[in-house]
Amino acid sequence: MGIGTEDLIRHAIENGFDMFDCVLPTRLGRHGTAMTKQGHIKLSNAQYRNDHSPLDPESDCYTSKYFTKAYLHHLVRENEMLAGTLLSLHNIWYLHNLVESIKKEILEG
């Protein structure tokens, strides 16, 4: 279907879609990018080399709990497969929580 960005997901739900299939969260993860409420974070950027903060402070996903931006930056720069795995896990967590929050908004009116 190709619906994987926040704005497309919201638009689709508003129009009655309730199922999504997209490679975007894992593709972004494999290419060193994390999805957050503040936008996409490209971890190959040098600004993350010494950034020891969590990937997303609002996230309780495995990646954000246990790995810093600096470590993820290192993994991405070294082309370690673990980088893509951890970022894909985070991105899937992010989209899952996005849909859950939209569901909550709908139920609350």
PDB file of N, CA and C in Angstrom:
ATOM      1  N   MET A   1       0.809  -1.192   0.000  1.00  0.00           N
ATOM      2  CA  MET A   1       0.000   0.000   0.000  1.00  0.00           C
ATOM      3  C   MET A   1       0.856   1.262   0.000  1.00  0.00           C
ATOM      4  N   GLY A   2       2.002   1.244   0.694  1.00  0.00           N
ATOM      5  CA  GLY A   2       2.868   2.405   0.666  1.00  0.00           C
ATOM      6  C   GLY A   2       2.483   3.515   1.623  1.00  0.00           C
ATOM      7  N   ILE A   3       1.624   3.226   2.580  1.00  0.00           N
ATOM      8  CA  ILE A   3       1.208   4.247   3.551  1.00  0.00           C
ATOM      9  C   ILE A   3       2.052   4.062   4.798  1.00  0.00           C
ATOM     10  N   GLY A   4       3.068   4.921   4.976  1.00  0.00           N
ATOM     11  CA  GLY A   4       3.970   4.724   6.092  1.00  0.00           C
ATOM     12  C   GLY A   4       4.377   5.981   6.819  1.00  0.00           C
ATOM     13  N   THR A   5       4.022   7.149   6.297  1.00  0.00           N
ATOM     14  CA  THR A   5       4.362   8.383   6.997  1.00  0.00           C
ATOM     15  C   THR A   5       3.204   8.773   7.914  1.00  0.00           C
ATOM     16  N   GLU A   6       3.521   9.562   8.915  1.00  0.00           N
ATOM     17  CA  GLU A   6       2.510   9.958   9.901  1.00  0.00           C
ATOM     18  C   GLU A   6       1.321  10.642   9.246  1.00  0.00           C
ATOM     19  N   ASP A   7       1.580  11.585   8.342  1.00  0.00           N
ATOM     20  CA  ASP A   7       0.467  12.310   7.725  1.00  0.00           C
ATOM     21  C   ASP A   7      -0.385  11.404   6.842  1.00  0.00           C
ATOM     22  N   LEU A   8       0.239  10.469   6.120  1.00  0.00           N
ATOM     23  CA  LEU A   8      -0.542   9.539   5.296  1.00  0.00           C
ATOM     24  C   LEU A   8      -1.363   8.576   6.147  1.00  0.00           C
ATOM     25  N   ILE A   9      -0.792   8.131   7.250  1.00  0.00           N
ATOM     26  CA  ILE A   9      -1.525   7.223   8.143  1.00  0.00           C
ATOM     27  C   ILE A   9      -2.743   7.942   8.720  1.00  0.00           C
ATOM     28  N   ARG A  10      -2.537   9.171   9.191  1.00  0.00           N
ATOM     29  CA  ARG A  10      -3.673   9.934   9.721  1.00  0.00           C
ATOM     30  C   ARG A  10      -4.746  10.146   8.651  1.00  0.00           C
ATOM     31  N   HIS A  11      -4.332  10.505   7.457  1.00  0.00           N
ATOM     32  CA  HIS A  11      -5.284  10.715   6.360  1.00  0.00           C
ATOM     33  C   HIS A  11      -6.030   9.415   6.026  1.00  0.00           C
ATOM     34  N   ALA A  12      -5.317   8.323   5.993  1.00  0.00           N
ATOM     35  CA  ALA A  12      -5.946   7.039   5.672  1.00  0.00           C
ATOM     36  C   ALA A  12      -6.972   6.649   6.732  1.00  0.00           C
ATOM     37  N   ILE A  13      -6.625   6.821   7.995  1.00  0.00           N
ATOM     38  CA  ILE A  13      -7.554   6.477   9.074  1.00  0.00           C
ATOM     39  C   ILE A  13      -8.798   7.352   8.999  1.00  0.00           C
ATOM     40  N   GLU A  14      -8.598   8.641   8.728  1.00  0.00           N
ATOM     41  CA  GLU A  14      -9.748   9.545   8.581  1.00  0.00           C
ATOM     42  C   GLU A  14     -10.683   9.110   7.459  1.00  0.00           C
ATOM     43  N   ASN A  15     -10.140   8.367   6.500  1.00  0.00           N
ATOM     44  CA  ASN A  15     -10.934   7.905   5.366  1.00  0.00           C
ATOM     45  C   ASN A  15     -11.318   6.434   5.464  1.00  0.00           C
ATOM     46  N   GLY A  16     -11.220   5.867   6.660  1.00  0.00           N
ATOM     47  CA  GLY A  16     -11.748   4.537   6.906  1.00  0.00           C
ATOM     48  C   GLY A  16     -10.780   3.374   6.799  1.00  0.00           C
ATOM     49  N   PHE A  17      -9.524   3.612   6.491  1.00  0.00           N
ATOM     50  CA  PHE A  17      -8.562   2.513   6.432  1.00  0.00           C
ATOM     51  C   PHE A  17      -8.239   2.053   7.843  1.00  0.00           C
ATOM     52  N   ASP A  18      -8.084   0.744   8.009  1.00  0.00           N
ATOM     53  CA  ASP A  18      -7.713   0.243   9.334  1.00  0.00           C
ATOM     54  C   ASP A  18      -6.583  -0.778   9.253  1.00  0.00           C
ATOM     55  N   MET A  19      -5.963  -0.898   8.100  1.00  0.00           N
ATOM     56  CA  MET A  19      -4.850  -1.825   7.947  1.00  0.00           C
ATOM     57  C   MET A  19      -3.805  -1.166   7.035  1.00  0.00           C
ATOM     58  N   PHE A  20      -2.547  -1.313   7.403  1.00  0.00           N
ATOM     59  CA  PHE A  20      -1.473  -0.673   6.662  1.00  0.00           C
ATOM     60  C   PHE A  20      -0.366  -1.675   6.387  1.00  0.00           C
ATOM     61  N   ASP A  21       0.283  -1.492   5.274  1.00  0.00           N
ATOM     62  CA  ASP A  21       1.405  -2.344   4.907  1.00  0.00           C
ATOM     63  C   ASP A  21       2.420  -1.466   4.198  1.00  0.00           C
ATOM     64  N   CYS A  22       3.571  -1.284   4.822  1.00  0.00           N
ATOM     65  CA  CYS A  22       4.559  -0.410   4.215  1.00  0.00           C
ATOM     66  C   CYS A  22       5.954  -0.826   4.675  1.00  0.00           C
ATOM     67  N   VAL A  23       6.903  -0.697   3.791  1.00  0.00           N
ATOM     68  CA  VAL A  23       8.285  -1.032   4.124  1.00  0.00           C
ATOM     69  C   VAL A  23       9.040   0.171   4.701  1.00  0.00           C
ATOM     70  N   LEU A  24       8.387   1.331   4.760  1.00  0.00           N
ATOM     71  CA  LEU A  24       9.073   2.562   5.157  1.00  0.00           C
ATOM     72  C   LEU A  24       9.798   2.472   6.502  1.00  0.00           C
ATOM     73  N   PRO A  25       9.175   1.963   7.582  1.00  0.00           N
ATOM     74  CA  PRO A  25       9.906   1.974   8.858  1.00  0.00           C
ATOM     75  C   PRO A  25      11.185   1.135   8.832  1.00  0.00           C
ATOM     76  N   THR A  26      11.155   0.008   8.143  1.00  0.00           N
ATOM     77  CA  THR A  26      12.359  -0.818   8.090  1.00  0.00           C
ATOM     78  C   THR A  26      13.361  -0.283   7.068  1.00  0.00           C
ATOM     79  N   ARG A  27      12.879   0.275   5.979  1.00  0.00           N
ATOM     80  CA  ARG A  27      13.798   0.878   4.993  1.00  0.00           C
ATOM     81  C   ARG A  27      14.546   2.044   5.631  1.00  0.00           C
ATOM     82  N   LEU A  28      13.807   2.913   6.330  1.00  0.00           N
ATOM     83  CA  LEU A  28      14.471   4.026   7.014  1.00  0.00           C
ATOM     84  C   LEU A  28      15.475   3.507   8.035  1.00  0.00           C
ATOM     85  N   GLY A  29      15.083   2.494   8.782  1.00  0.00           N
ATOM     86  CA  GLY A  29      15.983   1.915   9.780  1.00  0.00           C
ATOM     87  C   GLY A  29      17.257   1.372   9.161  1.00  0.00           C
ATOM     88  N   ARG A  30      17.112   0.638   8.070  1.00  0.00           N
ATOM     89  CA  ARG A  30      18.293   0.072   7.397  1.00  0.00           C
ATOM     90  C   ARG A  30      19.208   1.150   6.847  1.00  0.00           C
ATOM     91  N   HIS A  31      18.657   2.325   6.600  1.00  0.00           N
ATOM     92  CA  HIS A  31      19.461   3.424   6.069  1.00  0.00           C
ATOM     93  C   HIS A  31      19.840   4.446   7.153  1.00  0.00           C
ATOM     94  N   GLY A  32      19.708   4.055   8.427  1.00  0.00           N
ATOM     95  CA  GLY A  32      20.209   4.880   9.520  1.00  0.00           C
ATOM     96  C   GLY A  32      19.325   6.015   9.968  1.00  0.00           C
ATOM     97  N   THR A  33      18.012   5.899   9.716  1.00  0.00           N
ATOM     98  CA  THR A  33      17.097   6.981  10.070  1.00  0.00           C
ATOM     99  C   THR A  33      16.041   6.494  11.054  1.00  0.00           C
ATOM    100  N   ALA A  34      15.804   7.307  12.083  1.00  0.00           N
ATOM    101  CA  ALA A  34      14.792   7.006  13.087  1.00  0.00           C
ATOM    102  C   ALA A  34      13.615   7.961  12.939  1.00  0.00           C
ATOM    103  N   MET A  35      12.420   7.445  13.156  1.00  0.00           N
ATOM    104  CA  MET A  35      11.195   8.250  13.126  1.00  0.00           C
ATOM    105  C   MET A  35      10.889   8.711  14.547  1.00  0.00           C
ATOM    106  N   THR A  36      10.649  10.014  14.723  1.00  0.00           N
ATOM    107  CA  THR A  36      10.273  10.544  16.035  1.00  0.00           C
ATOM    108  C   THR A  36       9.204  11.608  15.854  1.00  0.00           C
ATOM    109  N   LYS A  37       8.606  12.022  16.959  1.00  0.00           N
ATOM    110  CA  LYS A  37       7.616  13.101  16.905  1.00  0.00           C
ATOM    111  C   LYS A  37       8.242  14.408  16.421  1.00  0.00           C
ATOM    112  N   GLN A  38       9.537  14.549  16.619  1.00  0.00           N
ATOM    113  CA  GLN A  38      10.240  15.752  16.191  1.00  0.00           C
ATOM    114  C   GLN A  38      10.696  15.655  14.738  1.00  0.00           C
ATOM    115  N   GLY A  39      10.380  14.570  14.077  1.00  0.00           N
ATOM    116  CA  GLY A  39      10.797  14.354  12.696  1.00  0.00           C
ATOM    117  C   GLY A  39      11.802  13.223  12.600  1.00  0.00           C
ATOM    118  N   HIS A  40      12.340  13.045  11.421  1.00  0.00           N
ATOM    119  CA  HIS A  40      13.312  11.982  11.202  1.00  0.00           C
ATOM    120  C   HIS A  40      14.679  12.394  11.709  1.00  0.00           C
ATOM    121  N   ILE A  41      15.384  11.437  12.314  1.00  0.00           N
ATOM    122  CA  ILE A  41      16.744  11.654  12.793  1.00  0.00           C
ATOM    123  C   ILE A  41      17.665  10.776  11.947  1.00  0.00           C
ATOM    124  N   LYS A  42      18.563  11.390  11.209  1.00  0.00           N
ATOM    125  CA  LYS A  42      19.531  10.666  10.383  1.00  0.00           C
ATOM    126  C   LYS A  42      20.794  10.490  11.206  1.00  0.00           C
ATOM    127  N   LEU A  43      20.980   9.290  11.730  1.00  0.00           N
ATOM    128  CA  LEU A  43      22.031   9.043  12.703  1.00  0.00           C
ATOM    129  C   LEU A  43      23.434   8.989  12.120  1.00  0.00           C
ATOM    130  N   SER A  44      23.575   9.045  10.820  1.00  0.00           N
ATOM    131  CA  SER A  44      24.921   9.096  10.238  1.00  0.00           C
ATOM    132  C   SER A  44      25.500  10.504  10.347  1.00  0.00           C
ATOM    133  N   ASN A  45      24.668  11.496  10.663  1.00  0.00           N
ATOM    134  CA  ASN A  45      25.138  12.880  10.791  1.00  0.00           C
ATOM    135  C   ASN A  45      26.123  13.010  11.958  1.00  0.00           C
ATOM    136  N   ALA A  46      27.175  13.777  11.732  1.00  0.00           N
ATOM    137  CA  ALA A  46      28.250  13.936  12.719  1.00  0.00           C
ATOM    138  C   ALA A  46      27.765  14.506  14.047  1.00  0.00           C
ATOM    139  N   GLN A  47      26.669  15.245  14.045  1.00  0.00           N
ATOM    140  CA  GLN A  47      26.186  15.854  15.286  1.00  0.00           C
ATOM    141  C   GLN A  47      25.827  14.819  16.352  1.00  0.00           C
ATOM    142  N   TYR A  48      25.644  13.563  15.957  1.00  0.00           N
ATOM    143  CA  TYR A  48      25.275  12.520  16.916  1.00  0.00           C
ATOM    144  C   TYR A  48      26.475  11.740  17.440  1.00  0.00           C
ATOM    145  N   ARG A  49      27.666  12.047  16.958  1.00  0.00           N
ATOM    146  CA  ARG A  49      28.878  11.311  17.340  1.00  0.00           C
ATOM    147  C   ARG A  49      29.062  11.266  18.856  1.00  0.00           C
ATOM    148  N   ASN A  50      28.821  12.369  19.529  1.00  0.00           N
ATOM    149  CA  ASN A  50      29.019  12.438  20.981  1.00  0.00           C
ATOM    150  C   ASN A  50      27.724  12.729  21.731  1.00  0.00           C
ATOM    151  N   ASP A  51      26.614  12.411  21.120  1.00  0.00           N
ATOM    152  CA  ASP A  51      25.304  12.655  21.738  1.00  0.00           C
ATOM    153  C   ASP A  51      24.886  11.401  22.511  1.00  0.00           C
ATOM    154  N   HIS A  52      25.026  11.459  23.812  1.00  0.00           N
ATOM    155  CA  HIS A  52      24.762  10.292  24.651  1.00  0.00           C
ATOM    156  C   HIS A  52      23.334  10.281  25.210  1.00  0.00           C
ATOM    157  N   SER A  53      22.462  11.007  24.552  1.00  0.00           N
ATOM    158  CA  SER A  53      21.050  11.006  24.954  1.00  0.00           C
ATOM    159  C   SER A  53      20.332   9.845  24.264  1.00  0.00           C
ATOM    160  N   PRO A  54      19.173   9.458  24.813  1.00  0.00           N
ATOM    161  CA  PRO A  54      18.412   8.387  24.158  1.00  0.00           C
ATOM    162  C   PRO A  54      17.897   8.839  22.797  1.00  0.00           C
ATOM    163  N   LEU A  55      17.654   7.880  21.946  1.00  0.00           N
ATOM    164  CA  LEU A  55      17.154   8.163  20.611  1.00  0.00           C
ATOM    165  C   LEU A  55      15.884   9.006  20.679  1.00  0.00           C
ATOM    166  N   ASP A  56      14.962   8.593  21.519  1.00  0.00           N
ATOM    167  CA  ASP A  56      13.705   9.324  21.695  1.00  0.00           C
ATOM    168  C   ASP A  56      13.361   9.275  23.175  1.00  0.00           C
ATOM    169  N   PRO A  57      13.522  10.378  23.899  1.00  0.00           N
ATOM    170  CA  PRO A  57      13.283  10.368  25.347  1.00  0.00           C
ATOM    171  C   PRO A  57      11.861   9.978  25.733  1.00  0.00           C
ATOM    172  N   GLU A  58      10.896  10.139  24.819  1.00  0.00           N
ATOM    173  CA  GLU A  58       9.505   9.784  25.110  1.00  0.00           C
ATOM    174  C   GLU A  58       9.211   8.307  24.838  1.00  0.00           C
ATOM    175  N   SER A  59      10.166   7.607  24.262  1.00  0.00           N
ATOM    176  CA  SER A  59       9.950   6.228  23.843  1.00  0.00           C
ATOM    177  C   SER A  59      10.340   5.246  24.941  1.00  0.00           C
ATOM    178  N   ASP A  60       9.563   4.169  25.045  1.00  0.00           N
ATOM    179  CA  ASP A  60       9.956   3.089  25.943  1.00  0.00           C
ATOM    180  C   ASP A  60      10.318   1.836  25.139  1.00  0.00           C
ATOM    181  N   CYS A  61      10.680   2.047  23.859  1.00  0.00           N
ATOM    182  CA  CYS A  61      11.086   0.916  23.029  1.00  0.00           C
ATOM    183  C   CYS A  61      12.488   0.464  23.442  1.00  0.00           C
ATOM    184  N   TYR A  62      12.810  -0.746  23.076  1.00  0.00           N
ATOM    185  CA  TYR A  62      14.096  -1.353  23.426  1.00  0.00           C
ATOM    186  C   TYR A  62      15.270  -0.477  22.995  1.00  0.00           C
ATOM    187  N   THR A  63      15.219   0.026  21.783  1.00  0.00           N
ATOM    188  CA  THR A  63      16.326   0.814  21.248  1.00  0.00           C
ATOM    189  C   THR A  63      16.553   2.081  22.070  1.00  0.00           C
ATOM    190  N   SER A  64      15.492   2.806  22.359  1.00  0.00           N
ATOM    191  CA  SER A  64      15.635   4.051  23.120  1.00  0.00           C
ATOM    192  C   SER A  64      16.028   3.808  24.567  1.00  0.00           C
ATOM    193  N   LYS A  65      15.621   2.683  25.120  1.00  0.00           N
ATOM    194  CA  LYS A  65      15.949   2.374  26.518  1.00  0.00           C
ATOM    195  C   LYS A  65      17.430   2.049  26.706  1.00  0.00           C
ATOM    196  N   TYR A  66      18.007   1.345  25.739  1.00  0.00           N
ATOM    197  CA  TYR A  66      19.326   0.771  25.966  1.00  0.00           C
ATOM    198  C   TYR A  66      20.455   1.315  25.101  1.00  0.00           C
ATOM    199  N   PHE A  67      20.154   2.170  24.123  1.00  0.00           N
ATOM    200  CA  PHE A  67      21.198   2.632  23.208  1.00  0.00           C
ATOM    201  C   PHE A  67      21.123   4.147  23.021  1.00  0.00           C
ATOM    202  N   THR A  68      22.276   4.790  23.047  1.00  0.00           N
ATOM    203  CA  THR A  68      22.337   6.235  22.865  1.00  0.00           C
ATOM    204  C   THR A  68      22.450   6.578  21.371  1.00  0.00           C
ATOM    205  N   LYS A  69      22.203   7.835  21.065  1.00  0.00           N
ATOM    206  CA  LYS A  69      22.386   8.295  19.689  1.00  0.00           C
ATOM    207  C   LYS A  69      23.840   8.111  19.260  1.00  0.00           C
ATOM    208  N   ALA A  70      24.774   8.333  20.179  1.00  0.00           N
ATOM    209  CA  ALA A  70      26.195   8.184  19.841  1.00  0.00           C
ATOM    210  C   ALA A  70      26.509   6.743  19.446  1.00  0.00           C
ATOM    211  N   TYR A  71      25.982   5.797  20.194  1.00  0.00           N
ATOM    212  CA  TYR A  71      26.249   4.392  19.865  1.00  0.00           C
ATOM    213  C   TYR A  71      25.580   4.013  18.547  1.00  0.00           C
ATOM    214  N   LEU A  72      24.349   4.466  18.344  1.00  0.00           N
ATOM    215  CA  LEU A  72      23.658   4.186  17.084  1.00  0.00           C
ATOM    216  C   LEU A  72      24.392   4.846  15.922  1.00  0.00           C
ATOM    217  N   HIS A  73      24.895   6.064  16.132  1.00  0.00           N
ATOM    218  CA  HIS A  73      25.698   6.749  15.115  1.00  0.00           C
ATOM    219  C   HIS A  73      26.905   5.883  14.748  1.00  0.00           C
ATOM    220  N   HIS A  74      27.582   5.365  15.758  1.00  0.00           N
ATOM    221  CA  HIS A  74      28.745   4.499  15.533  1.00  0.00           C
ATOM    222  C   HIS A  74      28.358   3.272  14.700  1.00  0.00           C
ATOM    223  N   LEU A  75      27.265   2.617  15.074  1.00  0.00           N
ATOM    224  CA  LEU A  75      26.827   1.425  14.338  1.00  0.00           C
ATOM    225  C   LEU A  75      26.505   1.755  12.881  1.00  0.00           C
ATOM    226  N   VAL A  76      25.820   2.873  12.670  1.00  0.00           N
ATOM    227  CA  VAL A  76      25.463   3.283  11.304  1.00  0.00           C
ATOM    228  C   VAL A  76      26.720   3.578  10.498  1.00  0.00           C
ATOM    229  N   ARG A  77      27.638   4.348  11.066  1.00  0.00           N
ATOM    230  CA  ARG A  77      28.862   4.728  10.346  1.00  0.00           C
ATOM    231  C   ARG A  77      29.740   3.516  10.015  1.00  0.00           C
ATOM    232  N   GLU A  78      29.674   2.482  10.848  1.00  0.00           N
ATOM    233  CA  GLU A  78      30.469   1.273  10.614  1.00  0.00           C
ATOM    234  C   GLU A  78      29.708   0.225   9.795  1.00  0.00           C
ATOM    235  N   ASN A  79      28.529   0.594   9.328  1.00  0.00           N
ATOM    236  CA  ASN A  79      27.683  -0.322   8.533  1.00  0.00           C
ATOM    237  C   ASN A  79      27.383  -1.637   9.248  1.00  0.00           C
ATOM    238  N   GLU A  80      27.216  -1.554  10.553  1.00  0.00           N
ATOM    239  CA  GLU A  80      26.865  -2.738  11.337  1.00  0.00           C
ATOM    240  C   GLU A  80      25.396  -3.079  11.119  1.00  0.00           C
ATOM    241  N   MET A  81      25.089  -4.337  10.905  1.00  0.00           N
ATOM    242  CA  MET A  81      23.701  -4.763  10.704  1.00  0.00           C
ATOM    243  C   MET A  81      22.829  -4.447  11.902  1.00  0.00           C
ATOM    244  N   LEU A  82      23.423  -4.442  13.085  1.00  0.00           N
ATOM    245  CA  LEU A  82      22.669  -4.151  14.299  1.00  0.00           C
ATOM    246  C   LEU A  82      22.007  -2.777  14.232  1.00  0.00           C
ATOM    247  N   ALA A  83      22.631  -1.825  13.559  1.00  0.00           N
ATOM    248  CA  ALA A  83      22.047  -0.479  13.433  1.00  0.00           C
ATOM    249  C   ALA A  83      20.678  -0.556  12.767  1.00  0.00           C
ATOM    250  N   GLY A  84      20.595  -1.224  11.644  1.00  0.00           N
ATOM    251  CA  GLY A  84      19.331  -1.353  10.920  1.00  0.00           C
ATOM    252  C   GLY A  84      18.284  -2.082  11.724  1.00  0.00           C
ATOM    253  N   THR A  85      18.704  -3.089  12.453  1.00  0.00           N
ATOM    254  CA  THR A  85      17.773  -3.857  13.278  1.00  0.00           C
ATOM    255  C   THR A  85      17.213  -2.991  14.396  1.00  0.00           C
ATOM    256  N   LEU A  86      18.093  -2.315  15.125  1.00  0.00           N
ATOM    257  CA  LEU A  86      17.645  -1.481  16.249  1.00  0.00           C
ATOM    258  C   LEU A  86      16.777  -0.324  15.780  1.00  0.00           C
ATOM    259  N   LEU A  87      17.151   0.314  14.689  1.00  0.00           N
ATOM    260  CA  LEU A  87      16.363   1.437  14.191  1.00  0.00           C
ATOM    261  C   LEU A  87      15.037   0.970  13.602  1.00  0.00           C
ATOM    262  N   SER A  88      15.019  -0.186  12.973  1.00  0.00           N
ATOM    263  CA  SER A  88      13.752  -0.747  12.471  1.00  0.00           C
ATOM    264  C   SER A  88      12.811  -1.069  13.621  1.00  0.00           C
ATOM    265  N   LEU A  89      13.352  -1.657  14.689  1.00  0.00           N
ATOM    266  CA  LEU A  89      12.525  -1.940  15.873  1.00  0.00           C
ATOM    267  C   LEU A  89      11.925  -0.654  16.423  1.00  0.00           C
ATOM    268  N   HIS A  90      12.739   0.381  16.507  1.00  0.00           N
ATOM    269  CA  HIS A  90      12.249   1.660  17.017  1.00  0.00           C
ATOM    270  C   HIS A  90      11.172   2.229  16.099  1.00  0.00           C
ATOM    271  N   ASN A  91      11.410   2.222  14.793  1.00  0.00           N
ATOM    272  CA  ASN A  91      10.460   2.805  13.848  1.00  0.00           C
ATOM    273  C   ASN A  91       9.125   2.066  13.850  1.00  0.00           C
ATOM    274  N   ILE A  92       9.171   0.763  13.963  1.00  0.00           N
ATOM    275  CA  ILE A  92       7.922  -0.012  14.051  1.00  0.00           C
ATOM    276  C   ILE A  92       7.206   0.326  15.352  1.00  0.00           C
ATOM    277  N   TRP A  93       7.969   0.431  16.453  1.00  0.00           N
ATOM    278  CA  TRP A  93       7.379   0.830  17.735  1.00  0.00           C
ATOM    279  C   TRP A  93       6.722   2.199  17.580  1.00  0.00           C
ATOM    280  N   TYR A  94       7.412   3.132  16.928  1.00  0.00           N
ATOM    281  CA  TYR A  94       6.894   4.493  16.760  1.00  0.00           C
ATOM    282  C   TYR A  94       5.561   4.476  16.009  1.00  0.00           C
ATOM    283  N   LEU A  95       5.504   3.774  14.893  1.00  0.00           N
ATOM    284  CA  LEU A  95       4.265   3.748  14.110  1.00  0.00           C
ATOM    285  C   LEU A  95       3.145   3.019  14.847  1.00  0.00           C
ATOM    286  N   HIS A  96       3.489   1.965  15.560  1.00  0.00           N
ATOM    287  CA  HIS A  96       2.476   1.260  16.351  1.00  0.00           C
ATOM    288  C   HIS A  96       1.868   2.201  17.388  1.00  0.00           C
ATOM    289  N   ASN A  97       2.710   2.951  18.074  1.00  0.00           N
ATOM    290  CA  ASN A  97       2.212   3.885  19.083  1.00  0.00           C
ATOM    291  C   ASN A  97       1.453   5.044  18.468  1.00  0.00           C
ATOM    292  N   LEU A  98       1.849   5.458  17.285  1.00  0.00           N
ATOM    293  CA  LEU A  98       1.112   6.497  16.571  1.00  0.00           C
ATOM    294  C   LEU A  98      -0.319   6.031  16.307  1.00  0.00           C
ATOM    295  N   VAL A  99      -0.463   4.830  15.787  1.00  0.00           N
ATOM    296  CA  VAL A  99      -1.804   4.300  15.487  1.00  0.00           C
ATOM    297  C   VAL A  99      -2.605   4.116  16.776  1.00  0.00           C
ATOM    298  N   GLU A 100      -1.957   3.663  17.843  1.00  0.00           N
ATOM    299  CA  GLU A 100      -2.654   3.531  19.124  1.00  0.00           C
ATOM    300  C   GLU A 100      -3.142   4.885  19.635  1.00  0.00           C
ATOM    301  N   SER A 101      -2.336   5.928  19.473  1.00  0.00           N
ATOM    302  CA  SER A 101      -2.764   7.258  19.932  1.00  0.00           C
ATOM    303  C   SER A 101      -3.910   7.789  19.083  1.00  0.00           C
ATOM    304  N   ILE A 102      -3.901   7.504  17.794  1.00  0.00           N
ATOM    305  CA  ILE A 102      -5.012   7.912  16.928  1.00  0.00           C
ATOM    306  C   ILE A 102      -6.281   7.154  17.330  1.00  0.00           C
ATOM    307  N   LYS A 103      -6.108   5.874  17.627  1.00  0.00           N
ATOM    308  CA  LYS A 103      -7.258   5.066  18.075  1.00  0.00           C
ATOM    309  C   LYS A 103      -7.846   5.647  19.358  1.00  0.00           C
ATOM    310  N   LYS A 104      -6.981   6.034  20.275  1.00  0.00           N
ATOM    311  CA  LYS A 104      -7.445   6.639  21.530  1.00  0.00           C
ATOM    312  C   LYS A 104      -8.183   7.942  21.267  1.00  0.00           C
ATOM    313  N   GLU A 105      -7.654   8.762  20.346  1.00  0.00           N
ATOM    314  CA  GLU A 105      -8.314  10.027  19.981  1.00  0.00           C
ATOM    315  C   GLU A 105      -9.713   9.761  19.436  1.00  0.00           C
ATOM    316  N   ILE A 106      -9.846   8.741  18.607  1.00  0.00           N
ATOM    317  CA  ILE A 106     -11.147   8.401  18.018  1.00  0.00           C
ATOM    318  C   ILE A 106     -12.124   7.966  19.116  1.00  0.00           C
ATOM    319  N   LEU A 107     -11.669   7.109  20.015  1.00  0.00           N
ATOM    320  CA  LEU A 107     -12.536   6.601  21.086  1.00  0.00           C
ATOM    321  C   LEU A 107     -12.970   7.709  22.049  1.00  0.00           C
ATOM    322  N   GLU A 108     -12.112   8.720  22.220  1.00  0.00           N
ATOM    323  CA  GLU A 108     -12.435   9.824  23.113  1.00  0.00           C
ATOM    324  C   GLU A 108     -13.252  10.915  22.420  1.00  0.00           C
ATOM    325  N   GLY A 109     -13.471  10.728  21.139  1.00  0.00           N
ATOM    326  CA  GLY A 109     -14.300  11.685  20.382  1.00  0.00           C
ATOM    327  C   GLY A 109     -13.484  12.753  19.746  1.00  0.00           C
TER     328      GLY A 109
END
